[in-house]
Amino acid sequence: MANEEWSRARDELVDSLVQLGFPKELGDACARNLGSPKAMRRMTSYLYNVKPKSVELVVDEMLAICSEIGVWREKKARN
């Protein structure tokens, strides 16, 4: 069940990037780095709403999401 959710989120992320004209490999790399269905859905939502025109904008958003997740994990570890 969890694998299906991960696969579905990954496929949606990759498809949204391809629809915007980016290579499938960028979607694969984003999915690997984001690592969770929730993060991938968040990235997909960004892609649908913002429709970035450059790889740099896509990667910047992916890194921002990863950073926020890292901060949240650190905060949870301290509590």
N, C-alpha and C. Protein backbone atom coordinates (compact mmCIF):
# COMPACT_ATOMS: atom_id res chain seq x y z
N MET A 1 0.83 -1.20 0.00
CA MET A 1 0.00 0.00 0.00
C MET A 1 0.87 1.26 0.00
N ALA A 2 1.87 1.29 0.87
CA ALA A 2 2.76 2.45 0.93
C ALA A 2 3.54 2.60 -0.37
N ASN A 3 3.96 1.47 -0.95
CA ASN A 3 4.68 1.52 -2.22
C ASN A 3 3.80 2.07 -3.34
N GLU A 4 2.51 1.72 -3.32
CA GLU A 4 1.58 2.24 -4.32
C GLU A 4 1.45 3.75 -4.18
N GLU A 5 1.33 4.22 -2.96
CA GLU A 5 1.21 5.66 -2.72
C GLU A 5 2.47 6.39 -3.19
N TRP A 6 3.64 5.82 -2.86
CA TRP A 6 4.90 6.43 -3.28
C TRP A 6 4.99 6.45 -4.80
N SER A 7 4.65 5.33 -5.44
CA SER A 7 4.71 5.24 -6.91
C SER A 7 3.76 6.22 -7.57
N ARG A 8 2.57 6.34 -7.03
CA ARG A 8 1.58 7.25 -7.60
C ARG A 8 2.06 8.71 -7.48
N ALA A 9 2.57 9.07 -6.31
CA ALA A 9 3.07 10.44 -6.10
C ALA A 9 4.25 10.72 -7.02
N ARG A 10 5.14 9.73 -7.17
CA ARG A 10 6.30 9.88 -8.04
C ARG A 10 5.86 10.06 -9.49
N ASP A 11 4.93 9.23 -9.94
CA ASP A 11 4.45 9.31 -11.32
C ASP A 11 3.80 10.66 -11.60
N GLU A 12 3.01 11.17 -10.65
CA GLU A 12 2.36 12.48 -10.83
C GLU A 12 3.40 13.59 -10.91
N LEU A 13 4.43 13.51 -10.08
CA LEU A 13 5.50 14.50 -10.10
C LEU A 13 6.24 14.47 -11.43
N VAL A 14 6.63 13.28 -11.86
CA VAL A 14 7.35 13.14 -13.14
C VAL A 14 6.47 13.61 -14.29
N ASP A 15 5.21 13.21 -14.31
CA ASP A 15 4.30 13.61 -15.39
C ASP A 15 4.14 15.12 -15.44
N SER A 16 4.02 15.76 -14.29
CA SER A 16 3.82 17.21 -14.28
C SER A 16 5.06 17.93 -14.81
N LEU A 17 6.24 17.42 -14.48
CA LEU A 17 7.47 18.02 -15.00
C LEU A 17 7.59 17.82 -16.51
N VAL A 18 7.27 16.63 -16.97
CA VAL A 18 7.33 16.34 -18.41
C VAL A 18 6.34 17.23 -19.17
N GLN A 19 5.15 17.43 -18.62
CA GLN A 19 4.15 18.29 -19.26
C GLN A 19 4.64 19.73 -19.37
N LEU A 20 5.50 20.14 -18.44
CA LEU A 20 6.05 21.49 -18.49
C LEU A 20 7.28 21.58 -19.40
N GLY A 21 7.67 20.45 -19.98
CA GLY A 21 8.77 20.44 -20.94
C GLY A 21 10.12 20.05 -20.37
N PHE A 22 10.13 19.58 -19.13
CA PHE A 22 11.39 19.15 -18.51
C PHE A 22 11.61 17.66 -18.74
N PRO A 23 12.86 17.22 -18.68
CA PRO A 23 13.14 15.79 -18.89
C PRO A 23 12.63 14.92 -17.74
N LYS A 24 12.25 13.71 -18.08
CA LYS A 24 11.79 12.72 -17.10
C LYS A 24 12.82 12.52 -16.00
N GLU A 25 14.10 12.57 -16.36
CA GLU A 25 15.18 12.35 -15.39
C GLU A 25 15.16 13.39 -14.27
N LEU A 26 14.73 14.61 -14.58
CA LEU A 26 14.61 15.64 -13.54
C LEU A 26 13.53 15.23 -12.54
N GLY A 27 12.44 14.70 -13.03
CA GLY A 27 11.37 14.22 -12.15
C GLY A 27 11.83 13.07 -11.28
N ASP A 28 12.58 12.15 -11.86
CA ASP A 28 13.12 11.02 -11.09
C ASP A 28 14.04 11.52 -9.98
N ALA A 29 14.90 12.49 -10.31
CA ALA A 29 15.84 13.03 -9.32
C ALA A 29 15.09 13.77 -8.21
N CYS A 30 14.08 14.54 -8.58
CA CYS A 30 13.29 15.25 -7.58
C CYS A 30 12.61 14.26 -6.64
N ALA A 31 12.00 13.23 -7.20
CA ALA A 31 11.30 12.23 -6.38
C ALA A 31 12.26 11.57 -5.40
N ARG A 32 13.44 11.20 -5.86
CA ARG A 32 14.43 10.57 -4.97
C ARG A 32 14.83 11.50 -3.84
N ASN A 33 15.05 12.77 -4.16
CA ASN A 33 15.49 13.72 -3.15
C ASN A 33 14.38 14.08 -2.17
N LEU A 34 13.16 14.20 -2.66
CA LEU A 34 12.05 14.55 -1.78
C LEU A 34 11.72 13.40 -0.85
N GLY A 35 11.70 12.19 -1.38
CA GLY A 35 11.66 10.99 -0.56
C GLY A 35 10.35 10.56 0.06
N SER A 36 9.32 11.40 0.05
CA SER A 36 8.04 10.97 0.63
C SER A 36 6.89 11.40 -0.28
N PRO A 37 5.80 10.65 -0.26
CA PRO A 37 4.65 11.04 -1.08
C PRO A 37 4.14 12.44 -0.76
N LYS A 38 4.13 12.80 0.51
CA LYS A 38 3.63 14.12 0.90
C LYS A 38 4.50 15.22 0.29
N ALA A 39 5.81 15.06 0.35
CA ALA A 39 6.72 16.05 -0.23
C ALA A 39 6.57 16.09 -1.75
N MET A 40 6.40 14.94 -2.37
CA MET A 40 6.23 14.90 -3.83
C MET A 40 4.92 15.56 -4.24
N ARG A 41 3.86 15.35 -3.47
CA ARG A 41 2.59 16.01 -3.79
C ARG A 41 2.71 17.53 -3.62
N ARG A 42 3.45 17.95 -2.61
CA ARG A 42 3.68 19.38 -2.40
C ARG A 42 4.43 19.97 -3.61
N MET A 43 5.42 19.27 -4.10
CA MET A 43 6.19 19.72 -5.26
C MET A 43 5.30 19.75 -6.50
N THR A 44 4.48 18.74 -6.67
CA THR A 44 3.56 18.68 -7.81
C THR A 44 2.59 19.85 -7.78
N SER A 45 2.09 20.18 -6.60
CA SER A 45 1.20 21.32 -6.45
C SER A 45 1.89 22.61 -6.86
N TYR A 46 3.14 22.76 -6.44
CA TYR A 46 3.93 23.93 -6.85
C TYR A 46 4.03 23.99 -8.37
N LEU A 47 4.32 22.87 -9.00
CA LEU A 47 4.48 22.84 -10.45
C LEU A 47 3.20 23.24 -11.17
N TYR A 48 2.07 22.72 -10.69
CA TYR A 48 0.79 23.05 -11.32
C TYR A 48 0.43 24.51 -11.14
N ASN A 49 0.73 25.07 -9.97
CA ASN A 49 0.33 26.45 -9.68
C ASN A 49 1.29 27.50 -10.24
N VAL A 50 2.58 27.23 -10.17
CA VAL A 50 3.58 28.23 -10.57
C VAL A 50 4.00 28.06 -12.03
N LYS A 51 4.05 26.82 -12.49
CA LYS A 51 4.52 26.51 -13.85
C LYS A 51 5.89 27.15 -14.12
N PRO A 52 6.90 26.73 -13.36
CA PRO A 52 8.23 27.32 -13.52
C PRO A 52 8.78 27.09 -14.93
N LYS A 53 9.58 28.04 -15.37
CA LYS A 53 10.11 27.98 -16.74
C LYS A 53 11.56 27.50 -16.80
N SER A 54 12.22 27.37 -15.64
CA SER A 54 13.63 26.96 -15.67
C SER A 54 13.89 25.81 -14.69
N VAL A 55 14.90 25.04 -15.01
CA VAL A 55 15.32 23.95 -14.13
C VAL A 55 15.72 24.51 -12.77
N GLU A 56 16.35 25.68 -12.78
CA GLU A 56 16.80 26.29 -11.51
C GLU A 56 15.65 26.55 -10.56
N LEU A 57 14.52 27.03 -11.09
CA LEU A 57 13.35 27.27 -10.23
C LEU A 57 12.80 25.96 -9.66
N VAL A 58 12.79 24.92 -10.47
CA VAL A 58 12.32 23.61 -10.01
C VAL A 58 13.23 23.09 -8.90
N VAL A 59 14.53 23.15 -9.12
CA VAL A 59 15.48 22.64 -8.14
C VAL A 59 15.45 23.49 -6.87
N ASP A 60 15.32 24.80 -7.01
CA ASP A 60 15.23 25.68 -5.83
C ASP A 60 14.04 25.30 -4.96
N GLU A 61 12.89 25.03 -5.58
CA GLU A 61 11.71 24.66 -4.80
C GLU A 61 11.90 23.30 -4.15
N MET A 62 12.49 22.35 -4.88
CA MET A 62 12.75 21.03 -4.30
C MET A 62 13.65 21.16 -3.08
N LEU A 63 14.71 21.97 -3.20
CA LEU A 63 15.63 22.16 -2.07
C LEU A 63 14.94 22.86 -0.91
N ALA A 64 14.05 23.81 -1.20
CA ALA A 64 13.32 24.49 -0.13
C ALA A 64 12.42 23.51 0.62
N ILE A 65 11.75 22.65 -0.10
CA ILE A 65 10.90 21.64 0.54
C ILE A 65 11.75 20.71 1.40
N CYS A 66 12.88 20.25 0.86
CA CYS A 66 13.77 19.36 1.62
C CYS A 66 14.28 20.06 2.88
N SER A 67 14.62 21.33 2.76
CA SER A 67 15.11 22.09 3.91
C SER A 67 14.04 22.22 4.99
N GLU A 68 12.81 22.52 4.59
CA GLU A 68 11.72 22.64 5.56
C GLU A 68 11.45 21.31 6.26
N ILE A 69 11.55 20.23 5.54
CA ILE A 69 11.37 18.90 6.14
C ILE A 69 12.49 18.66 7.16
N GLY A 70 13.72 19.02 6.79
CA GLY A 70 14.85 18.85 7.71
C GLY A 70 14.68 19.65 8.98
N VAL A 71 14.22 20.88 8.86
CA VAL A 71 13.99 21.73 10.04
C VAL A 71 12.90 21.11 10.91
N TRP A 72 11.83 20.62 10.28
CA TRP A 72 10.74 20.01 11.03
C TRP A 72 11.24 18.77 11.79
N ARG A 73 12.06 17.95 11.12
CA ARG A 73 12.58 16.74 11.77
C ARG A 73 13.47 17.10 12.97
N GLU A 74 14.31 18.13 12.81
CA GLU A 74 15.17 18.56 13.92
C GLU A 74 14.33 19.04 15.10
N LYS A 75 13.29 19.79 14.78
CA LYS A 75 12.41 20.31 15.83
C LYS A 75 11.72 19.16 16.57
N LYS A 76 11.24 18.17 15.82
CA LYS A 76 10.58 17.01 16.44
C LYS A 76 11.56 16.21 17.29
N ALA A 77 12.81 16.13 16.84
CA ALA A 77 13.83 15.36 17.59
C ALA A 77 14.15 16.03 18.94
N ARG A 78 14.07 17.35 18.99
CA ARG A 78 14.35 18.07 20.23
C ARG A 78 13.22 17.97 21.24
N ASN A 79 12.02 17.70 20.78
CA ASN A 79 10.86 17.65 21.70
C ASN A 79 10.66 16.30 22.29
